C-alpha cells in the first residue's frame, strides 16, 4: 500500500531529509544545521524543526535513515554514537516506524541496529551509490560540505573497494575534502605569492567556503556555519581570512589578487579529488560507456573532475527523476534512502 516515506541522512553538522508522498513524488529535500558534537539533544531538536511544516504527522510516516554523526567527539566511539542516534531518533515520534541502512545494503529495525551498531556506521555513501548504480556504470562522486565519496558502479550495483572509513581512506574512496568546512591548511602546503612560494600557516584561519566564495562557485545556501573568524560571509571577508593564512593583511593585495589565491587553492582541491578518482577508476573492471554520476553541494566540482577524467558527467537528481526538486542533487543519501525504502524495504540494495 502506498505510504509517506522520509529518508534521513544524520550527519555530525547537518540533518538532511527527503520527504516522499504516496505517489512517489519528493515534496522536500532539505537540510538544517545540527551540531551533534554539542550533544544528542541537538538531534531531537533538529528532527522537530525539520518536520514542523510537513503536510502529514511524522508519526504516520515510514522513516529510513543512515548516518555519519556517530563520528563526532560527543561520543566515546562509533558504536556508542550509532546507539545514541538510533535511540534518540526513535524516541522523537514514538509511534513512527524506523529502518536503518547498513553496510550490507539492507534496512534493519532498531533492535538489529542496537545489536550490531557498526553495521550502520558511516553508510550514507553506500545508499547513494546503490541508488546511482541502478541507472549508470562508472563512478559515483559526491562532494559535500566536508568530504568526498568516490564509488565504482558496474552491472547495476555499487562496487566499493572498502566499507569502513579507515579502509575507504586508504582506498581513495573517502577523501576528506569538501566545499565548505575543510580547513585550507589541509588543502595545500602553500601557494605562489608574488612570484615566490609561500607556505600556508597551520592555523584554522579560513575554510574551503572562502575559496569557493571568491571563485564564484559557492551556493551560499550550502554554507550553514559561521566562518573561521565568525566574520562576514562576503568576498572581502573571505579574502581577509585567506590573507591571514599567508601571513598578510587584506590590504596587501587587491580583491582580484585574492581571487587568484583562491583559484590556486581550488585547483589544489580539484587535483586531490581527481587523483583519488583516477585511482578508483584504475582498479575497476572495464565497463561500456562509463559515466560520472555527480552529487553533493559540490556537484559542479565533481563535473569538473569528470571532465578531467574524460568521462561524461551525469546529474544524480536527473538520473533518479528529481531534477526539478530543490536540494535533490545536494542531499543524495537522503533522497536515495527514500527511494530504496520505497522500492525494497528490508531487502538488499
C-alpha atoms as a PDB file:
ATOM      1  CA  UNK A   1       0.000   0.000   0.000  1.00  0.00           C
ATOM      2  CA  UNK A   2       1.477   3.417  -0.947  1.00  0.00           C
ATOM      3  CA  UNK A   3       2.581   5.467   2.029  1.00  0.00           C
ATOM      4  CA  UNK A   4       4.564   8.505   3.053  1.00  0.00           C
ATOM      5  CA  UNK A   5       8.304   7.844   3.397  1.00  0.00           C
ATOM      6  CA  UNK A   6      11.127  10.024   4.676  1.00  0.00           C
ATOM      7  CA  UNK A   7      14.784   9.323   4.009  1.00  0.00           C
ATOM      8  CA  UNK A   8      17.206  10.791   6.561  1.00  0.00           C
ATOM      9  CA  UNK A   9      20.948  11.415   6.474  1.00  0.00           C
ATOM     10  CA  UNK A  10      22.093  12.173  10.029  1.00  0.00           C
ATOM     11  CA  UNK A  11      25.455  13.928   9.936  1.00  0.00           C
ATOM     12  CA  UNK A  12      27.604  15.469  12.593  1.00  0.00           C
ATOM     13  CA  UNK A  13      26.942  19.002  11.337  1.00  0.00           C
ATOM     14  CA  UNK A  14      23.715  18.717   9.309  1.00  0.00           C
ATOM     15  CA  UNK A  15      20.450  16.801   9.332  1.00  0.00           C
ATOM     16  CA  UNK A  16      19.206  16.116   5.797  1.00  0.00           C
ATOM     17  CA  UNK A  17      15.895  14.640   4.726  1.00  0.00           C
ATOM     18  CA  UNK A  18      13.802  13.730   1.688  1.00  0.00           C
ATOM     19  CA  UNK A  19      10.037  13.502   2.205  1.00  0.00           C
ATOM     20  CA  UNK A  20       8.281  11.368  -0.413  1.00  0.00           C
ATOM     21  CA  UNK A  21       4.492  11.240  -0.819  1.00  0.00           C
ATOM     22  CA  UNK A  22       2.467   8.087  -1.602  1.00  0.00           C
ATOM     23  CA  UNK A  23       2.641   8.808  -5.342  1.00  0.00           C
ATOM     24  CA  UNK A  24       6.453   8.676  -5.223  1.00  0.00           C
ATOM     25  CA  UNK A  25       6.959  12.437  -5.564  1.00  0.00           C
ATOM     26  CA  UNK A  26       9.544  14.126  -3.324  1.00  0.00           C
ATOM     27  CA  UNK A  27       7.996  17.173  -1.668  1.00  0.00           C
ATOM     28  CA  UNK A  28      11.027  18.219   0.367  1.00  0.00           C
ATOM     29  CA  UNK A  29      14.752  17.549   0.079  1.00  0.00           C
ATOM     30  CA  UNK A  30      16.335  19.806   2.662  1.00  0.00           C
ATOM     31  CA  UNK A  31      18.945  20.209   5.363  1.00  0.00           C
ATOM     32  CA  UNK A  32      19.305  22.142   8.569  1.00  0.00           C
ATOM     33  CA  UNK A  33      22.260  22.669  10.920  1.00  0.00           C
ATOM     34  CA  UNK A  34      22.583  20.003  13.609  1.00  0.00           C
ATOM     35  CA  UNK A  35      25.751  20.486  15.720  1.00  0.00           C
ATOM     36  CA  UNK A  36      25.711  16.960  17.073  1.00  0.00           C
ATOM     37  CA  UNK A  37      29.057  17.457  18.793  1.00  0.00           C
ATOM     38  CA  UNK A  38      27.174  19.666  21.262  1.00  0.00           C
ATOM     39  CA  UNK A  39      25.072  16.724  22.453  1.00  0.00           C
ATOM     40  CA  UNK A  40      22.417  14.256  21.316  1.00  0.00           C
ATOM     41  CA  UNK A  41      19.632  16.646  22.308  1.00  0.00           C
ATOM     42  CA  UNK A  42      20.598  18.729  19.243  1.00  0.00           C
ATOM     43  CA  UNK A  43      19.396  15.885  17.053  1.00  0.00           C
ATOM     44  CA  UNK A  44      15.989  15.729  18.726  1.00  0.00           C
ATOM     45  CA  UNK A  45      15.629  19.489  18.240  1.00  0.00           C
ATOM     46  CA  UNK A  46      16.595  19.246  14.570  1.00  0.00           C
ATOM     47  CA  UNK A  47      14.069  16.471  13.909  1.00  0.00           C
ATOM     48  CA  UNK A  48      11.258  18.540  15.425  1.00  0.00           C
ATOM     49  CA  UNK A  49      12.239  21.586  13.379  1.00  0.00           C
ATOM     50  CA  UNK A  50      12.569  19.544  10.181  1.00  0.00           C
ATOM     51  CA  UNK A  51       9.014  18.209  10.385  1.00  0.00           C
ATOM     52  CA  UNK A  52       7.424  21.465  11.519  1.00  0.00           C
ATOM     53  CA  UNK A  53       5.817  22.165   8.128  1.00  0.00           C
ATOM     54  CA  UNK A  54       5.086  18.627   6.944  1.00  0.00           C
ATOM     55  CA  UNK A  55       1.617  18.070   5.473  1.00  0.00           C
ATOM     56  CA  UNK A  56       1.321  14.784   7.379  1.00  0.00           C
ATOM     57  CA  UNK A  57       2.002  13.822  11.032  1.00  0.00           C
ATOM     58  CA  UNK A  58       5.594  12.488  11.314  1.00  0.00           C
ATOM     59  CA  UNK A  59       4.409   9.551  13.426  1.00  0.00           C
ATOM     60  CA  UNK A  60       2.432   8.215  10.417  1.00  0.00           C
ATOM     61  CA  UNK A  61       5.443   8.367   8.072  1.00  0.00           C
ATOM     62  CA  UNK A  62       7.784   5.424   7.429  1.00  0.00           C
ATOM     63  CA  UNK A  63      11.339   6.579   8.171  1.00  0.00           C
ATOM     64  CA  UNK A  64      14.568   5.197   6.701  1.00  0.00           C
ATOM     65  CA  UNK A  65      17.865   6.588   7.901  1.00  0.00           C
ATOM     66  CA  UNK A  66      21.613   6.491   7.514  1.00  0.00           C
ATOM     67  CA  UNK A  67      24.305   8.398   9.376  1.00  0.00           C
ATOM     68  CA  UNK A  68      27.811   9.749   9.768  1.00  0.00           C
ATOM     69  CA  UNK A  69      27.068  11.616  13.000  1.00  0.00           C
ATOM     70  CA  UNK A  70      28.459   8.776  15.112  1.00  0.00           C
ATOM     71  CA  UNK A  71      31.935  10.189  14.372  1.00  0.00           C
ATOM     72  CA  UNK A  72      31.538  13.373  16.452  1.00  0.00           C
ATOM     73  CA  UNK A  73      33.554  13.666  19.643  1.00  0.00           C
ATOM     74  CA  UNK A  74      30.421  13.819  21.817  1.00  0.00           C
ATOM     75  CA  UNK A  75      30.544  10.006  21.701  1.00  0.00           C
ATOM     76  CA  UNK A  76      33.190   7.741  23.192  1.00  0.00           C
ATOM     77  CA  UNK A  77      33.295   5.698  19.995  1.00  0.00           C
ATOM     78  CA  UNK A  78      31.389   4.912  16.824  1.00  0.00           C
ATOM     79  CA  UNK A  79      29.304   2.124  18.350  1.00  0.00           C
ATOM     80  CA  UNK A  80      28.197   4.405  21.198  1.00  0.00           C
ATOM     81  CA  UNK A  81      27.353   7.085  18.665  1.00  0.00           C
ATOM     82  CA  UNK A  82      25.244   4.803  16.497  1.00  0.00           C
ATOM     83  CA  UNK A  83      23.315   3.509  19.501  1.00  0.00           C
ATOM     84  CA  UNK A  84      22.665   7.040  20.791  1.00  0.00           C
ATOM     85  CA  UNK A  85      21.494   8.271  17.392  1.00  0.00           C
ATOM     86  CA  UNK A  86      19.157   5.306  16.869  1.00  0.00           C
ATOM     87  CA  UNK A  87      17.683   5.637  20.372  1.00  0.00           C
ATOM     88  CA  UNK A  88      17.208   9.405  20.060  1.00  0.00           C
ATOM     89  CA  UNK A  89      15.645   9.184  16.593  1.00  0.00           C
ATOM     90  CA  UNK A  90      13.147   6.515  17.560  1.00  0.00           C
ATOM     91  CA  UNK A  91      12.105   8.454  20.671  1.00  0.00           C
ATOM     92  CA  UNK A  92      11.177  11.691  18.872  1.00  0.00           C
ATOM     93  CA  UNK A  93       7.944  10.290  17.399  1.00  0.00           C
ATOM     94  CA  UNK A  94       7.384   7.118  19.446  1.00  0.00           C
ATOM     95  CA  UNK A  95       4.712   5.659  17.144  1.00  0.00           C
ATOM     96  CA  UNK A  96       6.754   6.087  13.981  1.00  0.00           C
ATOM     97  CA  UNK A  97       8.309   3.153  12.106  1.00  0.00           C
ATOM     98  CA  UNK A  98      12.084   3.338  11.561  1.00  0.00           C
ATOM     99  CA  UNK A  99      14.524   1.331   9.471  1.00  0.00           C
ATOM    100  CA  UNK A 100      18.302   1.781   9.385  1.00  0.00           C
ATOM    101  CA  UNK A 101      20.559   1.359   6.356  1.00  0.00           C
ATOM    102  CA  UNK A 102      23.586  -0.888   6.848  1.00  0.00           C
ATOM    103  CA  UNK A 103      26.883  -1.521   5.110  1.00  0.00           C
ATOM    104  CA  UNK A 104      25.341  -4.784   3.906  1.00  0.00           C
ATOM    105  CA  UNK A 105      22.950  -2.690   1.798  1.00  0.00           C
ATOM    106  CA  UNK A 106      19.834  -3.647   3.766  1.00  0.00           C
ATOM    107  CA  UNK A 107      17.360  -1.825   6.004  1.00  0.00           C
ATOM    108  CA  UNK A 108      17.093  -3.202   9.547  1.00  0.00           C
ATOM    109  CA  UNK A 109      14.963  -2.326  12.553  1.00  0.00           C
ATOM    110  CA  UNK A 110      16.145  -0.546  15.693  1.00  0.00           C
ATOM    111  CA  UNK A 111      16.687  -3.780  17.619  1.00  0.00           C
ATOM    112  CA  UNK A 112      19.087  -5.102  14.992  1.00  0.00           C
ATOM    113  CA  UNK A 113      20.775  -1.701  14.812  1.00  0.00           C
ATOM    114  CA  UNK A 114      21.411  -1.657  18.564  1.00  0.00           C
ATOM    115  CA  UNK A 115      22.690  -5.239  18.490  1.00  0.00           C
ATOM    116  CA  UNK A 116      25.299  -4.614  15.761  1.00  0.00           C
ATOM    117  CA  UNK A 117      25.819  -0.834  15.582  1.00  0.00           C
ATOM    118  CA  UNK A 118      28.976  -0.802  13.480  1.00  0.00           C
ATOM    119  CA  UNK A 119      26.990  -2.212  10.540  1.00  0.00           C
ATOM    120  CA  UNK A 120      25.321   1.235  10.400  1.00  0.00           C
ATOM    121  CA  UNK A 121      28.392   3.415  10.866  1.00  0.00           C
ATOM    122  CA  UNK A 122      29.029   5.884   8.034  1.00  0.00           C
ATOM    123  CA  UNK A 123      26.927   4.015   5.491  1.00  0.00           C
ATOM    124  CA  UNK A 124      25.304   7.014   3.783  1.00  0.00           C
ATOM    125  CA  UNK A 125      27.648   6.928   0.773  1.00  0.00           C
ATOM    126  CA  UNK A 126      26.604   3.345   0.004  1.00  0.00           C
ATOM    127  CA  UNK A 127      22.916   4.263  -0.099  1.00  0.00           C
ATOM    128  CA  UNK A 128      23.597   6.958  -2.700  1.00  0.00           C
ATOM    129  CA  UNK A 129      25.920   4.762  -4.741  1.00  0.00           C
ATOM    130  CA  UNK A 130      23.480   1.831  -4.679  1.00  0.00           C
ATOM    131  CA  UNK A 131      20.741   4.109  -5.980  1.00  0.00           C
ATOM    132  CA  UNK A 132      23.004   5.599  -8.688  1.00  0.00           C
ATOM    133  CA  UNK A 133      24.172   2.145  -9.786  1.00  0.00           C
ATOM    134  CA  UNK A 134      20.648   1.257 -10.865  1.00  0.00           C
ATOM    135  CA  UNK A 135      20.949   3.868 -13.612  1.00  0.00           C
ATOM    136  CA  UNK A 136      24.619   4.140 -14.660  1.00  0.00           C
ATOM    137  CA  UNK A 137      28.013   2.431 -14.814  1.00  0.00           C
ATOM    138  CA  UNK A 138      31.227   4.274 -13.999  1.00  0.00           C
ATOM    139  CA  UNK A 139      31.890   6.368 -10.912  1.00  0.00           C
ATOM    140  CA  UNK A 140      29.687   7.981  -8.310  1.00  0.00           C
ATOM    141  CA  UNK A 141      31.275  11.168  -6.935  1.00  0.00           C
ATOM    142  CA  UNK A 142      29.524  13.035  -4.124  1.00  0.00           C
ATOM    143  CA  UNK A 143      31.334  16.171  -2.968  1.00  0.00           C
ATOM    144  CA  UNK A 144      29.715  17.575   0.151  1.00  0.00           C
ATOM    145  CA  UNK A 145      30.471  20.288   2.651  1.00  0.00           C
ATOM    146  CA  UNK A 146      33.147  18.214   4.411  1.00  0.00           C
ATOM    147  CA  UNK A 147      34.012  15.044   2.471  1.00  0.00           C
ATOM    148  CA  UNK A 148      34.070  13.461  -0.965  1.00  0.00           C
ATOM    149  CA  UNK A 149      32.863   9.925  -1.710  1.00  0.00           C
ATOM    150  CA  UNK A 150      34.047   8.063  -4.812  1.00  0.00           C
ATOM    151  CA  UNK A 151      32.467   4.681  -5.607  1.00  0.00           C
ATOM    152  CA  UNK A 152      32.683   2.383  -8.623  1.00  0.00           C
ATOM    153  CA  UNK A 153      29.381   1.418 -10.301  1.00  0.00           C
ATOM    154  CA  UNK A 154      29.018  -1.615 -12.561  1.00  0.00           C
ATOM    155  CA  UNK A 155      26.363  -4.113 -13.513  1.00  0.00           C
ATOM    156  CA  UNK A 156      23.594  -2.346 -11.622  1.00  0.00           C
ATOM    157  CA  UNK A 157      25.320  -2.387  -8.238  1.00  0.00           C
ATOM    158  CA  UNK A 158      27.819  -0.287  -6.292  1.00  0.00           C
ATOM    159  CA  UNK A 159      31.235  -1.960  -6.161  1.00  0.00           C
ATOM    160  CA  UNK A 160      33.248  -0.316  -3.382  1.00  0.00           C
ATOM    161  CA  UNK A 161      36.786  -1.429  -2.689  1.00  0.00           C
ATOM    162  CA  UNK A 162      36.267  -0.949   1.056  1.00  0.00           C
ATOM    163  CA  UNK A 163      33.486  -0.354   3.557  1.00  0.00           C
ATOM    164  CA  UNK A 164      34.838   1.230   6.752  1.00  0.00           C
ATOM    165  CA  UNK A 165      36.020   4.834   6.940  1.00  0.00           C
ATOM    166  CA  UNK A 166      39.625   3.841   7.602  1.00  0.00           C
ATOM    167  CA  UNK A 167      39.744   1.360   4.736  1.00  0.00           C
ATOM    168  CA  UNK A 168      37.970   3.774   2.409  1.00  0.00           C
ATOM    169  CA  UNK A 169      40.544   6.463   3.206  1.00  0.00           C
ATOM    170  CA  UNK A 170      43.321   4.041   2.256  1.00  0.00           C
ATOM    171  CA  UNK A 171      41.497   3.038  -0.940  1.00  0.00           C
ATOM    172  CA  UNK A 172      40.977   6.651  -2.031  1.00  0.00           C
ATOM    173  CA  UNK A 173      37.203   6.232  -1.916  1.00  0.00           C
ATOM    174  CA  UNK A 174      36.827   8.650   1.002  1.00  0.00           C
ATOM    175  CA  UNK A 175      38.603  11.976   0.592  1.00  0.00           C
ATOM    176  CA  UNK A 176      38.356  14.430   3.460  1.00  0.00           C
ATOM    177  CA  UNK A 177      37.824  17.450   1.250  1.00  0.00           C
ATOM    178  CA  UNK A 178      34.581  19.394   0.931  1.00  0.00           C
ATOM    179  CA  UNK A 179      33.489  22.741  -0.455  1.00  0.00           C
ATOM    180  CA  UNK A 180      32.503  24.412   2.842  1.00  0.00           C
ATOM    181  CA  UNK A 181      34.101  23.149   6.038  1.00  0.00           C
ATOM    182  CA  UNK A 182      37.596  21.966   5.036  1.00  0.00           C
ATOM    183  CA  UNK A 183      40.362  23.975   6.758  1.00  0.00           C
ATOM    184  CA  UNK A 184      42.513  25.414   3.999  1.00  0.00           C
ATOM    185  CA  UNK A 185      45.731  24.402   5.722  1.00  0.00           C
ATOM    186  CA  UNK A 186      44.711  20.838   4.733  1.00  0.00           C
ATOM    187  CA  UNK A 187      44.112  21.669   1.079  1.00  0.00           C
ATOM    188  CA  UNK A 188      47.671  22.555   0.027  1.00  0.00           C
ATOM    189  CA  UNK A 189      51.042  23.107   1.709  1.00  0.00           C
ATOM    190  CA  UNK A 190      51.403  26.500   0.084  1.00  0.00           C
ATOM    191  CA  UNK A 191      50.700  28.816  -2.834  1.00  0.00           C
ATOM    192  CA  UNK A 192      52.606  31.131  -5.128  1.00  0.00           C
ATOM    193  CA  UNK A 193      52.518  34.627  -3.662  1.00  0.00           C
ATOM    194  CA  UNK A 194      54.022  37.494  -5.630  1.00  0.00           C
ATOM    195  CA  UNK A 195      56.012  35.085  -7.815  1.00  0.00           C
ATOM    196  CA  UNK A 196      57.536  33.210  -4.876  1.00  0.00           C
ATOM    197  CA  UNK A 197      56.487  30.150  -2.867  1.00  0.00           C
ATOM    198  CA  UNK A 198      54.505  30.960   0.295  1.00  0.00           C
ATOM    199  CA  UNK A 199      53.656  28.203   2.801  1.00  0.00           C
ATOM    200  CA  UNK A 200      50.243  28.259   4.453  1.00  0.00           C
ATOM    201  CA  UNK A 201      50.000  28.752   8.204  1.00  0.00           C
ATOM    202  CA  UNK A 202      48.902  25.663  10.147  1.00  0.00           C
ATOM    203  CA  UNK A 203      46.004  27.547  11.710  1.00  0.00           C
ATOM    204  CA  UNK A 204      42.242  27.374  11.259  1.00  0.00           C
ATOM    205  CA  UNK A 205      42.115  30.831   9.690  1.00  0.00           C
ATOM    206  CA  UNK A 206      39.976  30.002   6.645  1.00  0.00           C
ATOM    207  CA  UNK A 207      37.930  27.214   5.078  1.00  0.00           C
ATOM    208  CA  UNK A 208      37.046  25.962   1.637  1.00  0.00           C
ATOM    209  CA  UNK A 209      33.868  28.077   1.693  1.00  0.00           C
ATOM    210  CA  UNK A 210      36.137  31.125   1.500  1.00  0.00           C
ATOM    211  CA  UNK A 211      37.882  29.725  -1.566  1.00  0.00           C
ATOM    212  CA  UNK A 212      34.715  28.915  -3.472  1.00  0.00           C
ATOM    213  CA  UNK A 213      33.018  32.145  -2.446  1.00  0.00           C
ATOM    214  CA  UNK A 214      35.888  34.029  -4.067  1.00  0.00           C
ATOM    215  CA  UNK A 215      35.873  31.842  -7.183  1.00  0.00           C
ATOM    216  CA  UNK A 216      32.114  32.390  -7.521  1.00  0.00           C
ATOM    217  CA  UNK A 217      31.227  28.700  -7.280  1.00  0.00           C
ATOM    218  CA  UNK A 218      29.689  28.569  -3.808  1.00  0.00           C
ATOM    219  CA  UNK A 219      25.929  28.438  -3.390  1.00  0.00           C
ATOM    220  CA  UNK A 220      25.547  30.351  -0.148  1.00  0.00           C
ATOM    221  CA  UNK A 221      22.703  28.085   0.935  1.00  0.00           C
ATOM    222  CA  UNK A 222      25.298  25.318   1.333  1.00  0.00           C
ATOM    223  CA  UNK A 223      27.252  27.319   3.918  1.00  0.00           C
ATOM    224  CA  UNK A 224      25.268  26.992   7.138  1.00  0.00           C
ATOM    225  CA  UNK A 225      28.091  27.679   9.583  1.00  0.00           C
ATOM    226  CA  UNK A 226      29.946  30.747  10.836  1.00  0.00           C
ATOM    227  CA  UNK A 227      33.308  31.444   9.161  1.00  0.00           C
ATOM    228  CA  UNK A 228      36.550  30.624  10.959  1.00  0.00           C
ATOM    229  CA  UNK A 229      36.708  34.146  12.423  1.00  0.00           C
ATOM    230  CA  UNK A 230      32.919  34.485  12.830  1.00  0.00           C
ATOM    231  CA  UNK A 231      33.184  37.375  10.385  1.00  0.00           C
ATOM    232  CA  UNK A 232      31.319  38.345   7.247  1.00  0.00           C
ATOM    233  CA  UNK A 233      30.336  35.880   4.538  1.00  0.00           C
ATOM    234  CA  UNK A 234      31.337  38.280   1.798  1.00  0.00           C
ATOM    235  CA  UNK A 235      34.156  38.291  -0.772  1.00  0.00           C
ATOM    236  CA  UNK A 236      36.069  40.797   1.353  1.00  0.00           C
ATOM    237  CA  UNK A 237      35.511  38.711   4.474  1.00  0.00           C
ATOM    238  CA  UNK A 238      36.795  35.604   2.711  1.00  0.00           C
ATOM    239  CA  UNK A 239      39.774  37.494   1.292  1.00  0.00           C
ATOM    240  CA  UNK A 240      40.643  38.755   4.772  1.00  0.00           C
ATOM    241  CA  UNK A 241      40.674  35.185   6.083  1.00  0.00           C
ATOM    242  CA  UNK A 242      42.849  33.993   3.180  1.00  0.00           C
ATOM    243  CA  UNK A 243      45.251  36.857   3.861  1.00  0.00           C
ATOM    244  CA  UNK A 244      45.732  35.693   7.452  1.00  0.00           C
ATOM    245  CA  UNK A 245      46.519  32.217   6.177  1.00  0.00           C
ATOM    246  CA  UNK A 246      49.514  33.513   4.208  1.00  0.00           C
ATOM    247  CA  UNK A 247      50.691  35.955   6.875  1.00  0.00           C
ATOM    248  CA  UNK A 248      49.300  39.079   5.228  1.00  0.00           C
ATOM    249  CA  UNK A 249      46.544  41.635   5.690  1.00  0.00           C
ATOM    250  CA  UNK A 250      43.649  42.164   3.319  1.00  0.00           C
ATOM    251  CA  UNK A 251      45.137  45.459   2.169  1.00  0.00           C
ATOM    252  CA  UNK A 252      48.309  43.744   0.908  1.00  0.00           C
ATOM    253  CA  UNK A 253      46.596  42.886  -2.378  1.00  0.00           C
ATOM    254  CA  UNK A 254      43.550  43.713  -4.459  1.00  0.00           C
ATOM    255  CA  UNK A 255      40.412  41.608  -4.323  1.00  0.00           C
ATOM    256  CA  UNK A 256      41.285  40.229  -7.752  1.00  0.00           C
ATOM    257  CA  UNK A 257      44.665  39.114  -6.447  1.00  0.00           C
ATOM    258  CA  UNK A 258      42.977  37.358  -3.543  1.00  0.00           C
ATOM    259  CA  UNK A 259      40.696  35.670  -6.065  1.00  0.00           C
ATOM    260  CA  UNK A 260      43.812  34.336  -7.799  1.00  0.00           C
ATOM    261  CA  UNK A 261      44.985  32.921  -4.456  1.00  0.00           C
ATOM    262  CA  UNK A 262      41.598  31.253  -4.069  1.00  0.00           C
ATOM    263  CA  UNK A 263      41.900  29.847  -7.594  1.00  0.00           C
ATOM    264  CA  UNK A 264      45.200  28.189  -6.670  1.00  0.00           C
ATOM    265  CA  UNK A 265      43.615  26.519  -3.655  1.00  0.00           C
ATOM    266  CA  UNK A 266      40.556  25.481  -5.672  1.00  0.00           C
ATOM    267  CA  UNK A 267      42.871  23.874  -8.229  1.00  0.00           C
ATOM    268  CA  UNK A 268      44.687  22.011  -5.450  1.00  0.00           C
ATOM    269  CA  UNK A 269      41.418  20.564  -4.144  1.00  0.00           C
ATOM    270  CA  UNK A 270      40.308  19.584  -7.650  1.00  0.00           C
ATOM    271  CA  UNK A 271      43.650  17.850  -8.209  1.00  0.00           C
ATOM    272  CA  UNK A 272      43.337  15.877  -4.965  1.00  0.00           C
ATOM    273  CA  UNK A 273      39.866  14.611  -5.863  1.00  0.00           C
ATOM    274  CA  UNK A 274      40.906  13.873  -9.456  1.00  0.00           C
ATOM    275  CA  UNK A 275      43.875  11.778  -8.350  1.00  0.00           C
ATOM    276  CA  UNK A 276      41.658   9.791  -5.980  1.00  0.00           C
ATOM    277  CA  UNK A 277      39.084   9.236  -8.733  1.00  0.00           C
ATOM    278  CA  UNK A 278      41.800   8.086 -11.131  1.00  0.00           C
ATOM    279  CA  UNK A 279      42.945   5.566  -8.521  1.00  0.00           C
ATOM    280  CA  UNK A 280      39.446   4.134  -8.096  1.00  0.00           C
ATOM    281  CA  UNK A 281      38.867   4.088 -11.842  1.00  0.00           C
ATOM    282  CA  UNK A 282      42.141   2.247 -12.433  1.00  0.00           C
ATOM    283  CA  UNK A 283      41.001  -0.632 -10.216  1.00  0.00           C
ATOM    284  CA  UNK A 284      37.594  -1.008 -11.874  1.00  0.00           C
ATOM    285  CA  UNK A 285      36.708  -3.726 -14.313  1.00  0.00           C
ATOM    286  CA  UNK A 286      36.180  -2.318 -17.804  1.00  0.00           C
ATOM    287  CA  UNK A 287      32.600  -1.212 -18.445  1.00  0.00           C
ATOM    288  CA  UNK A 288      30.978   0.059 -21.619  1.00  0.00           C
ATOM    289  CA  UNK A 289      30.242   3.778 -21.734  1.00  0.00           C
ATOM    290  CA  UNK A 290      31.322   4.734 -18.180  1.00  0.00           C
ATOM    291  CA  UNK A 291      29.893   7.935 -16.736  1.00  0.00           C
ATOM    292  CA  UNK A 292      30.456  10.012 -13.621  1.00  0.00           C
ATOM    293  CA  UNK A 293      27.328  10.485 -11.530  1.00  0.00           C
ATOM    294  CA  UNK A 294      27.756  13.835  -9.772  1.00  0.00           C
ATOM    295  CA  UNK A 295      26.124  14.686  -6.458  1.00  0.00           C
ATOM    296  CA  UNK A 296      26.517  16.818  -3.352  1.00  0.00           C
ATOM    297  CA  UNK A 297      26.780  20.525  -2.690  1.00  0.00           C
ATOM    298  CA  UNK A 298      29.931  20.394  -4.819  1.00  0.00           C
ATOM    299  CA  UNK A 299      28.327  18.568  -7.759  1.00  0.00           C
ATOM    300  CA  UNK A 300      29.830  21.197 -10.048  1.00  0.00           C
ATOM    301  CA  UNK A 301      33.327  20.282  -8.823  1.00  0.00           C
ATOM    302  CA  UNK A 302      32.537  16.606  -9.429  1.00  0.00           C
ATOM    303  CA  UNK A 303      31.600  17.541 -13.002  1.00  0.00           C
ATOM    304  CA  UNK A 304      34.997  19.229 -13.445  1.00  0.00           C
ATOM    305  CA  UNK A 305      36.692  16.084 -12.186  1.00  0.00           C
ATOM    306  CA  UNK A 306      34.652  14.085 -14.712  1.00  0.00           C
ATOM    307  CA  UNK A 307      35.910  16.354 -17.493  1.00  0.00           C
ATOM    308  CA  UNK A 308      39.497  15.781 -16.404  1.00  0.00           C
ATOM    309  CA  UNK A 309      38.865  12.031 -16.473  1.00  0.00           C
ATOM    310  CA  UNK A 310      37.467  12.368 -19.976  1.00  0.00           C
ATOM    311  CA  UNK A 311      34.079  10.983 -18.936  1.00  0.00           C
ATOM    312  CA  UNK A 312      30.581  12.437 -19.306  1.00  0.00           C
ATOM    313  CA  UNK A 313      29.061  13.931 -16.156  1.00  0.00           C
ATOM    314  CA  UNK A 314      25.516  12.934 -15.180  1.00  0.00           C
ATOM    315  CA  UNK A 315      23.488  14.774 -12.559  1.00  0.00           C
ATOM    316  CA  UNK A 316      22.322  12.449  -9.766  1.00  0.00           C
ATOM    317  CA  UNK A 317      18.999  14.233  -9.324  1.00  0.00           C
ATOM    318  CA  UNK A 318      18.187  13.989 -13.022  1.00  0.00           C
ATOM    319  CA  UNK A 319      19.199  10.337 -13.052  1.00  0.00           C
ATOM    320  CA  UNK A 320      16.656   9.440 -10.356  1.00  0.00           C
ATOM    321  CA  UNK A 321      13.867  11.610 -11.749  1.00  0.00           C
ATOM    322  CA  UNK A 322      14.193  14.509  -9.322  1.00  0.00           C
ATOM    323  CA  UNK A 323      15.899  17.145 -11.475  1.00  0.00           C
ATOM    324  CA  UNK A 324      13.257  19.744 -10.613  1.00  0.00           C
ATOM    325  CA  UNK A 325      13.350  19.111  -6.832  1.00  0.00           C
ATOM    326  CA  UNK A 326      15.403  21.753  -4.974  1.00  0.00           C
ATOM    327  CA  UNK A 327      18.132  20.138  -2.906  1.00  0.00           C
ATOM    328  CA  UNK A 328      17.916  16.727  -4.602  1.00  0.00           C
ATOM    329  CA  UNK A 329      21.442  16.650  -6.019  1.00  0.00           C
ATOM    330  CA  UNK A 330      22.897  18.221  -2.870  1.00  0.00           C
ATOM    331  CA  UNK A 331      21.408  15.687  -0.446  1.00  0.00           C
ATOM    332  CA  UNK A 332      21.788  12.434  -2.353  1.00  0.00           C
ATOM    333  CA  UNK A 333      21.852   9.985   0.609  1.00  0.00           C
ATOM    334  CA  UNK A 334      18.509  11.214   1.956  1.00  0.00           C
ATOM    335  CA  UNK A 335      16.923  11.063  -1.493  1.00  0.00           C
ATOM    336  CA  UNK A 336      18.412   7.626  -2.088  1.00  0.00           C
ATOM    337  CA  UNK A 337      17.136   6.295   1.262  1.00  0.00           C
ATOM    338  CA  UNK A 338      13.600   7.370   0.425  1.00  0.00           C
ATOM    339  CA  UNK A 339      13.837   5.653  -2.976  1.00  0.00           C
ATOM    340  CA  UNK A 340      15.434   2.465  -1.631  1.00  0.00           C
ATOM    341  CA  UNK A 341      12.928   2.205   1.211  1.00  0.00           C
ATOM    342  CA  UNK A 342      10.047   2.550  -1.223  1.00  0.00           C
ATOM    343  CA  UNK A 343      11.462   0.014  -3.687  1.00  0.00           C
ATOM    344  CA  UNK A 344      12.668  -2.785  -1.440  1.00  0.00           C
ATOM    345  CA  UNK A 345      12.129  -2.317   2.304  1.00  0.00           C
ATOM    346  CA  UNK A 346      14.415  -4.656   4.205  1.00  0.00           C
ATOM    347  CA  UNK A 347      15.889  -6.268   1.073  1.00  0.00           C
ATOM    348  CA  UNK A 348      19.479  -5.976  -0.227  1.00  0.00           C
ATOM    349  CA  UNK A 349      20.224  -2.923  -2.374  1.00  0.00           C
END
